[in-house]
Amino acid sequence: MAPANLSINVLPVPVKGPHVVFLIHGMGKYVNDDGMPNDWASDWITLLETEAGKYNYFQQPGKSLSELITWVPITYDVYFHHYWKYLAETLAELKPELATKFPDLATDLPTADTMTNQNLYTHWADPLLWFASEFHQLVVAFVHEHLLKNIKAVEDHYQNLGQGLQVQTSIIAHSLGTAVAHDALAMLPAVISDLHTTNPDTLIINNLHTIANVSRILELDALPVYADPVSVKRWEDPNRSYCNSFYHYHNEYDPFTWLRRFHADQVPVGGTQVQIKTLEGDIMGIHGMENYLANPRVHGPILNSFANYSDIVTAADIDTYEATATTIDHTNLPGTIQEIVSNEDHLDLDQSEALEKLKEMLKEYGSQLLKGVTNHA
């Protein structure tokens, strides 16, 4: 199904700090028309740097995020964009022939602009491609390369400086990216010894931060979601896992996380579930990173993990924020979205029913709701 040249060389990013943070986006358009990543990762980094700047710890010399963190965006959307562009170009080549036999059909064929810019393809179709085994394998391999090459590059960098420090690693994933992160970690044991880029005995993802986790909706039969403690157990030792700590953040009334939701007893052993009920900005941005990261219940554990689990962001900071923040309930939400989050039966829909509800919601609200998925739609 995928074009034969759909292969991307992954190179390590320049080392900026000893803590490697991988950013994995959700559904949406995260590339420019030329297929190169847009500035989505800069937006996330700016949001985190803005929140960090409010706390004294990160104002100290050597403690700013720009000095502590090596940011590694994983823009897997390059594969999806490439495919839609390839398909549109193929249809364009066939159009003259089709026009002689099926003139009405040929007129309605989608163009490259349609397939790389309309929400149907840039958003709703992303989960569908994720279910396609060929794309699933491509994206998972893409994530593996980013993880292993960049961790090794940072390790080598500090060893060359004579600083044999323990490299810290974190993943921050949003929406569809939470399913991407889960499946990539679940499949890592099968390939790590073949990639020869890092020592499997020392590989640790210190923190897995999943924001608006939808991996239950997108669960594959072969990769049950978080069946093992804190992501996936190491292949050589069934009592250890790749991830030291797991966080699941969700807004109580985020419709994307309401459908087939994680319950407290489904969060991995040793993991933490964080729930918020606040809104930053427009109601249609409820699913967006801006809304989530504004709340110290979310950015607090993330920033604390960057500071070796120091309590930089405290319960008092949470109380101060929530005392003036907009608190929402289902009555703030319109139409189909309100219907979804008002029905507790939707928390445990089977997968096909949950996807159908998701489709209905996107069809009704389209680009309005998708502003909460990405600013680059």
Protein backbone atom coordinates (compact mmCIF):
# COMPACT_ATOMS: atom_id res chain seq x y z
CA MET A 1 0.00 0.00 0.00
CA ALA A 2 2.78 2.46 0.86
CA PRO A 3 4.96 3.82 -1.96
CA ALA A 4 8.26 2.02 -2.33
CA ASN A 5 10.35 5.12 -1.55
CA LEU A 6 8.63 5.78 1.79
CA SER A 7 11.84 5.54 3.80
CA ILE A 8 13.28 8.30 5.99
CA ASN A 9 16.79 8.46 7.40
CA VAL A 10 16.80 9.34 11.09
CA LEU A 11 19.76 11.36 12.37
CA PRO A 12 20.37 12.30 16.03
CA VAL A 13 19.56 15.88 16.99
CA PRO A 14 22.31 18.16 18.41
CA VAL A 15 22.86 17.49 22.11
CA LYS A 16 21.70 20.38 24.30
CA GLY A 17 21.34 18.78 27.72
CA PRO A 18 21.60 15.46 29.57
CA HIS A 19 17.85 14.79 29.73
CA VAL A 20 16.48 13.51 26.40
CA VAL A 21 12.78 14.31 25.92
CA PHE A 22 10.97 12.72 23.00
CA LEU A 23 7.85 14.53 21.77
CA ILE A 24 5.23 12.46 19.92
CA HIS A 25 2.34 14.36 18.37
CA GLY A 26 -1.27 13.27 17.88
CA MET A 27 -3.47 13.23 14.81
CA GLY A 28 -3.40 16.30 12.60
CA LYS A 29 -1.14 18.00 10.10
CA TYR A 30 2.40 18.34 11.45
CA VAL A 31 4.26 18.82 8.18
CA ASN A 32 4.48 21.61 5.61
CA ASP A 33 3.35 21.10 2.03
CA ASP A 34 6.90 20.01 1.15
CA GLY A 35 6.57 17.13 3.62
CA MET A 36 9.05 18.57 6.14
CA PRO A 37 8.00 18.97 9.81
CA ASN A 38 6.36 22.28 10.70
CA ASP A 39 6.87 24.12 13.98
CA TRP A 40 4.55 21.98 16.12
CA ALA A 41 7.37 20.88 18.44
CA SER A 42 8.48 24.49 18.98
CA ASP A 43 4.96 25.25 20.19
CA TRP A 44 5.09 22.43 22.75
CA ILE A 45 8.55 23.45 23.92
CA THR A 46 7.47 27.08 24.25
CA LEU A 47 4.46 26.03 26.34
CA LEU A 48 6.70 24.03 28.68
CA GLU A 49 9.36 26.75 28.87
CA THR A 50 6.69 29.33 29.68
CA GLU A 51 5.37 27.24 32.56
CA ALA A 52 8.89 26.42 33.78
CA GLY A 53 9.73 30.13 33.84
CA LYS A 54 7.16 30.63 36.60
CA TYR A 55 9.20 28.57 39.07
CA ASN A 56 12.42 29.70 40.78
CA TYR A 57 14.23 26.42 40.23
CA PHE A 58 14.24 26.82 36.44
CA GLN A 59 15.43 30.44 36.71
CA GLN A 60 18.74 29.39 38.25
CA PRO A 61 21.93 29.25 36.14
CA GLY A 62 22.18 25.92 34.34
CA LYS A 63 18.61 24.96 35.23
CA SER A 64 16.62 26.38 32.32
CA LEU A 65 14.96 23.82 30.07
CA SER A 66 17.16 24.94 27.19
CA GLU A 67 20.20 23.83 29.23
CA LEU A 68 18.72 20.70 30.77
CA ILE A 69 16.87 19.19 27.82
CA THR A 70 17.73 17.69 24.46
CA TRP A 71 14.36 17.86 22.69
CA VAL A 72 13.67 15.17 20.08
CA PRO A 73 10.45 15.66 18.09
CA ILE A 74 9.18 12.50 16.38
CA THR A 75 7.12 13.72 13.42
CA TYR A 76 5.68 10.44 12.18
CA ASP A 77 3.11 12.43 10.19
CA VAL A 78 5.72 12.59 7.41
CA TYR A 79 4.65 9.05 6.49
CA PHE A 80 0.95 9.85 6.40
CA HIS A 81 1.50 13.06 4.40
CA HIS A 82 3.78 11.27 1.95
CA TYR A 83 1.17 8.58 1.37
CA TRP A 84 -1.72 10.95 0.67
CA LYS A 85 0.46 12.99 -1.67
CA TYR A 86 1.60 9.83 -3.46
CA LEU A 87 -2.01 8.64 -3.81
CA ALA A 88 -3.16 12.01 -5.16
CA GLU A 89 -0.34 12.07 -7.72
CA THR A 90 -1.23 8.56 -8.82
CA LEU A 91 -4.88 9.55 -9.27
CA ALA A 92 -3.79 12.62 -11.26
CA GLU A 93 -1.88 10.38 -13.66
CA LEU A 94 -4.95 8.19 -14.11
CA LYS A 95 -7.39 11.08 -14.46
CA PRO A 96 -7.18 11.56 -18.27
CA GLU A 97 -7.93 7.90 -18.87
CA LEU A 98 -10.67 7.81 -16.25
CA ALA A 99 -12.25 10.95 -17.69
CA THR A 100 -12.98 9.21 -20.98
CA LYS A 101 -14.80 6.37 -19.23
CA PHE A 102 -16.16 7.94 -16.05
CA PRO A 103 -16.25 11.72 -16.54
CA ASP A 104 -18.29 12.45 -13.40
CA LEU A 105 -16.05 10.33 -11.21
CA ALA A 106 -12.88 11.86 -12.64
CA THR A 107 -14.16 15.35 -11.88
CA ASP A 108 -14.66 14.45 -8.23
CA LEU A 109 -11.27 12.87 -7.68
CA PRO A 110 -9.40 14.44 -4.74
CA THR A 111 -6.33 16.50 -5.57
CA ALA A 112 -2.98 16.65 -3.82
CA ASP A 113 -4.12 19.84 -2.07
CA THR A 114 -7.28 18.10 -0.84
CA MET A 115 -5.46 15.04 0.43
CA THR A 116 -2.73 16.94 2.25
CA ASN A 117 -4.80 19.80 3.69
CA GLN A 118 -8.40 18.72 4.32
CA ASN A 119 -9.33 17.48 7.80
CA LEU A 120 -10.70 14.21 6.42
CA TYR A 121 -7.19 13.17 5.41
CA THR A 122 -5.00 15.13 7.81
CA HIS A 123 -6.94 14.18 10.94
CA TRP A 124 -9.61 11.49 10.77
CA ALA A 125 -7.61 9.31 8.38
CA ASP A 126 -4.57 9.23 10.70
CA PRO A 127 -6.05 6.59 13.07
CA LEU A 128 -7.18 4.57 10.05
CA LEU A 129 -3.66 4.50 8.62
CA TRP A 130 -2.36 3.62 12.09
CA PHE A 131 -4.48 0.44 11.96
CA ALA A 132 -2.95 -0.50 8.59
CA SER A 133 -0.15 -2.95 9.37
CA GLU A 134 2.30 -1.50 6.84
CA PHE A 135 2.07 2.01 8.25
CA HIS A 136 2.05 0.71 11.81
CA GLN A 137 5.37 -1.04 11.15
CA LEU A 138 6.87 2.03 9.44
CA VAL A 139 5.90 4.39 12.25
CA VAL A 140 7.00 2.03 15.02
CA ALA A 141 10.40 1.54 13.34
CA PHE A 142 10.67 5.33 12.95
CA VAL A 143 10.08 5.80 16.68
CA HIS A 144 12.57 3.07 17.54
CA GLU A 145 15.28 4.77 15.51
CA HIS A 146 14.64 8.12 17.18
CA LEU A 147 14.71 6.60 20.65
CA LEU A 148 17.82 4.50 20.31
CA LYS A 149 19.97 6.75 18.12
CA ASN A 150 19.35 9.84 20.21
CA ILE A 151 19.85 8.13 23.58
CA LYS A 152 23.16 6.74 22.35
CA ALA A 153 24.21 10.11 20.91
CA VAL A 154 23.67 11.83 24.26
CA GLU A 155 25.45 9.03 26.13
CA ASP A 156 28.42 9.25 23.75
CA HIS A 157 28.48 13.06 23.98
CA TYR A 158 28.94 13.10 27.75
CA GLN A 159 31.34 10.17 27.74
CA ASN A 160 33.52 12.08 25.27
CA LEU A 161 33.46 15.00 27.68
CA GLY A 162 34.65 12.70 30.44
CA GLN A 163 31.27 12.89 32.15
CA GLY A 164 29.91 9.37 32.46
CA LEU A 165 26.59 10.57 33.81
CA GLN A 166 23.35 8.59 33.65
CA VAL A 167 21.32 9.99 30.78
CA GLN A 168 17.72 10.70 31.73
CA THR A 169 14.98 10.04 29.19
CA SER A 170 11.32 10.99 28.97
CA ILE A 171 8.53 10.65 26.44
CA ILE A 172 5.69 13.17 26.16
CA ALA A 173 2.95 11.89 23.89
CA HIS A 174 -0.42 13.41 23.02
CA SER A 175 -3.62 11.84 21.68
CA LEU A 176 -2.83 9.42 18.81
CA GLY A 177 0.80 9.75 19.86
CA THR A 178 -0.01 7.88 23.09
CA ALA A 179 -0.92 4.81 21.04
CA VAL A 180 2.21 5.27 18.93
CA ALA A 181 4.38 5.47 22.07
CA HIS A 182 2.75 2.44 23.66
CA ASP A 183 3.06 0.17 20.64
CA ALA A 184 6.64 1.28 19.95
CA LEU A 185 7.68 0.42 23.51
CA ALA A 186 5.74 -2.85 23.43
CA MET A 187 7.56 -3.90 20.26
CA LEU A 188 11.01 -2.67 21.31
CA PRO A 189 12.20 -5.93 22.92
CA ALA A 190 11.88 -7.76 19.61
CA VAL A 191 14.23 -5.41 17.76
CA ILE A 192 16.57 -3.76 20.25
CA SER A 193 19.31 -6.39 20.03
CA ASP A 194 19.31 -6.10 16.22
CA LEU A 195 19.63 -2.32 16.05
CA HIS A 196 23.00 -2.23 17.88
CA THR A 197 22.61 1.42 18.81
CA THR A 198 22.47 1.19 22.58
CA ASN A 199 22.94 -1.32 25.35
CA PRO A 200 19.58 -2.99 26.13
CA ASP A 201 20.73 -3.57 29.71
CA THR A 202 20.97 0.16 30.38
CA LEU A 203 18.03 1.42 28.32
CA ILE A 204 15.47 3.10 30.55
CA ILE A 205 12.65 5.50 29.74
CA ASN A 206 12.53 7.31 33.05
CA ASN A 207 9.15 8.92 32.45
CA LEU A 208 6.30 8.19 30.06
CA HIS A 209 3.92 11.18 30.10
CA THR A 210 0.74 10.41 28.14
CA ILE A 211 -1.59 13.36 27.63
CA ALA A 212 -5.17 12.67 26.52
CA ASN A 213 -4.36 8.97 26.21
CA VAL A 214 -6.46 7.28 23.53
CA SER A 215 -4.52 4.04 23.21
CA ARG A 216 -7.47 1.99 24.47
CA ILE A 217 -9.52 3.16 21.48
CA LEU A 218 -6.67 2.27 19.12
CA GLU A 219 -5.65 -0.96 20.84
CA LEU A 220 -4.42 -3.81 18.65
CA ASP A 221 -5.23 -7.41 19.58
CA ALA A 222 -1.55 -8.36 19.46
CA LEU A 223 -0.52 -5.44 21.70
CA PRO A 224 -2.93 -5.20 24.65
CA VAL A 225 -2.61 -1.79 26.25
CA TYR A 226 -0.34 -1.72 29.30
CA ALA A 227 -0.77 -5.40 30.02
CA ASP A 228 2.53 -5.32 31.91
CA PRO A 229 3.60 -3.00 34.76
CA VAL A 230 4.43 0.49 33.55
CA SER A 231 4.44 -0.15 29.82
CA VAL A 232 6.45 -3.19 28.78
CA LYS A 233 8.71 -5.59 30.68
CA ARG A 234 12.28 -6.00 29.53
CA TRP A 235 12.73 -9.07 27.42
CA GLU A 236 15.72 -10.33 29.42
CA ASP A 237 14.15 -9.80 32.87
CA PRO A 238 10.39 -10.26 33.38
CA ASN A 239 10.54 -8.33 36.65
CA ARG A 240 11.79 -5.09 35.09
CA SER A 241 10.22 -2.63 32.71
CA TYR A 242 11.53 -0.05 30.27
CA CYS A 243 9.68 2.76 32.04
CA ASN A 244 10.33 3.85 35.60
CA SER A 245 7.22 6.01 35.87
CA PHE A 246 4.00 6.34 33.90
CA TYR A 247 1.58 9.27 33.93
CA HIS A 248 -1.81 9.45 32.30
CA TYR A 249 -3.36 12.94 32.16
CA HIS A 250 -6.91 13.49 31.00
CA ASN A 251 -9.55 16.16 31.22
CA GLU A 252 -12.75 14.75 32.72
CA TYR A 253 -14.77 16.14 29.80
CA ASP A 254 -12.35 15.64 26.93
CA PRO A 255 -14.53 13.66 24.50
CA PHE A 256 -11.51 11.95 22.93
CA THR A 257 -10.58 10.41 26.29
CA TRP A 258 -14.14 9.76 27.44
CA LEU A 259 -14.70 7.17 24.72
CA ARG A 260 -13.32 3.81 25.86
CA ARG A 261 -11.48 5.53 28.70
CA PHE A 262 -8.75 4.28 30.97
CA HIS A 263 -10.17 3.56 34.39
CA ALA A 264 -8.08 3.79 37.52
CA ASP A 265 -7.59 0.02 37.65
CA GLN A 266 -6.40 0.01 34.02
CA VAL A 267 -3.53 2.39 34.63
CA PRO A 268 -0.30 0.36 34.72
CA VAL A 269 0.93 -0.88 38.07
CA GLY A 270 3.13 1.85 39.50
CA GLY A 271 1.52 4.44 37.23
CA THR A 272 -0.31 7.64 38.10
CA GLN A 273 -3.57 8.95 36.67
CA VAL A 274 -4.13 12.70 36.79
CA GLN A 275 -7.56 14.19 36.10
CA ILE A 276 -8.34 17.85 35.48
CA LYS A 277 -11.60 19.73 35.00
CA THR A 278 -10.24 23.11 33.95
CA LEU A 279 -10.32 24.90 30.62
CA GLU A 280 -7.79 27.33 29.19
CA GLY A 281 -9.27 29.27 26.29
CA ASP A 282 -12.09 28.20 23.99
CA ILE A 283 -14.19 25.14 24.84
CA MET A 284 -13.23 23.59 21.51
CA GLY A 285 -9.62 23.52 22.68
CA ILE A 286 -10.40 21.08 25.47
CA HIS A 287 -8.30 18.32 23.83
CA GLY A 288 -5.35 20.57 23.03
CA MET A 289 -1.90 20.66 24.58
CA GLU A 290 -2.38 24.32 25.53
CA ASN A 291 -5.30 23.40 27.76
CA TYR A 292 -3.54 20.48 29.40
CA LEU A 293 -0.12 22.07 29.97
CA ALA A 294 -1.60 25.22 31.52
CA ASN A 295 -2.75 23.21 34.54
CA PRO A 296 -0.01 22.51 37.14
CA ARG A 297 -1.58 19.10 37.73
CA VAL A 298 -0.18 18.30 34.28
CA HIS A 299 2.91 20.46 33.81
CA GLY A 300 3.87 19.90 37.46
CA PRO A 301 4.80 16.19 37.24
CA ILE A 302 6.44 16.81 33.86
CA LEU A 303 8.64 19.65 35.16
CA ASN A 304 9.33 17.80 38.41
CA SER A 305 10.57 14.83 36.39
CA PHE A 306 12.97 17.15 34.55
CA ALA A 307 14.36 18.18 37.95
CA ASN A 308 15.00 14.62 39.15
CA TYR A 309 11.63 14.40 40.87
CA SER A 310 12.13 17.46 43.06
CA ASP A 311 8.88 19.02 44.23
CA ILE A 312 9.32 22.16 42.17
CA VAL A 313 5.60 22.39 41.44
CA THR A 314 3.64 21.88 44.65
CA ALA A 315 0.07 21.35 45.80
CA ALA A 316 -0.04 25.05 46.68
CA ASP A 317 0.69 25.93 43.04
CA ILE A 318 -2.20 23.70 41.95
CA ASP A 319 -4.56 25.33 44.45
CA THR A 320 -3.55 28.81 43.32
CA TYR A 321 -4.17 27.99 39.66
CA GLU A 322 -7.48 26.20 40.15
CA ALA A 323 -8.84 28.93 42.43
CA THR A 324 -9.16 31.23 39.42
CA ALA A 325 -9.24 28.79 36.49
CA THR A 326 -12.39 28.09 34.49
CA THR A 327 -13.94 24.85 35.68
CA ILE A 328 -16.15 23.00 33.25
CA ASP A 329 -18.70 20.21 33.26
CA HIS A 330 -20.63 18.51 30.49
CA THR A 331 -23.15 21.36 30.26
CA ASN A 332 -20.43 23.60 28.78
CA LEU A 333 -20.12 21.30 25.77
CA PRO A 334 -22.22 21.39 22.60
CA GLY A 335 -24.41 18.80 20.92
CA THR A 336 -22.80 15.46 20.15
CA ILE A 337 -19.87 16.17 22.45
CA GLN A 338 -22.18 16.76 25.40
CA GLU A 339 -24.10 13.59 24.51
CA ILE A 340 -20.84 11.60 24.52
CA VAL A 341 -19.54 12.85 27.88
CA SER A 342 -22.94 12.66 29.57
CA ASN A 343 -23.23 8.90 29.04
CA GLU A 344 -21.11 6.69 31.26
CA ASP A 345 -21.81 3.73 28.97
CA HIS A 346 -19.45 5.39 26.49
CA LEU A 347 -16.56 4.83 28.89
CA ASP A 348 -16.51 1.14 27.99
CA LEU A 349 -17.72 0.99 24.40
CA ASP A 350 -16.18 -1.70 22.28
CA GLN A 351 -13.61 -0.45 19.83
CA SER A 352 -15.80 -0.25 16.73
CA GLU A 353 -18.52 1.67 18.59
CA ALA A 354 -15.99 4.09 20.07
CA LEU A 355 -14.50 4.79 16.63
CA GLU A 356 -17.97 5.34 15.20
CA LYS A 357 -18.76 7.89 17.92
CA LEU A 358 -15.44 9.59 17.25
CA LYS A 359 -16.30 9.82 13.56
CA GLU A 360 -19.71 11.33 14.32
CA MET A 361 -18.14 13.95 16.53
CA LEU A 362 -15.49 14.93 13.98
CA LYS A 363 -18.06 15.01 11.18
CA GLU A 364 -20.29 17.41 13.14
CA TYR A 365 -17.64 19.77 14.48
CA GLY A 366 -14.78 19.30 12.05
CA SER A 367 -12.14 21.99 12.19
CA GLN A 368 -13.66 23.68 15.27
CA LEU A 369 -12.86 20.74 17.53
CA LEU A 370 -9.66 19.91 15.70
CA LYS A 371 -8.22 23.26 16.76
CA GLY A 372 -7.82 21.43 20.03
CA VAL A 373 -5.78 18.73 18.36
CA THR A 374 -3.24 20.92 16.58
CA ASN A 375 -2.71 24.53 15.67
CA HIS A 376 -1.39 23.42 12.31
CA ALA A 377 -4.60 22.10 10.76
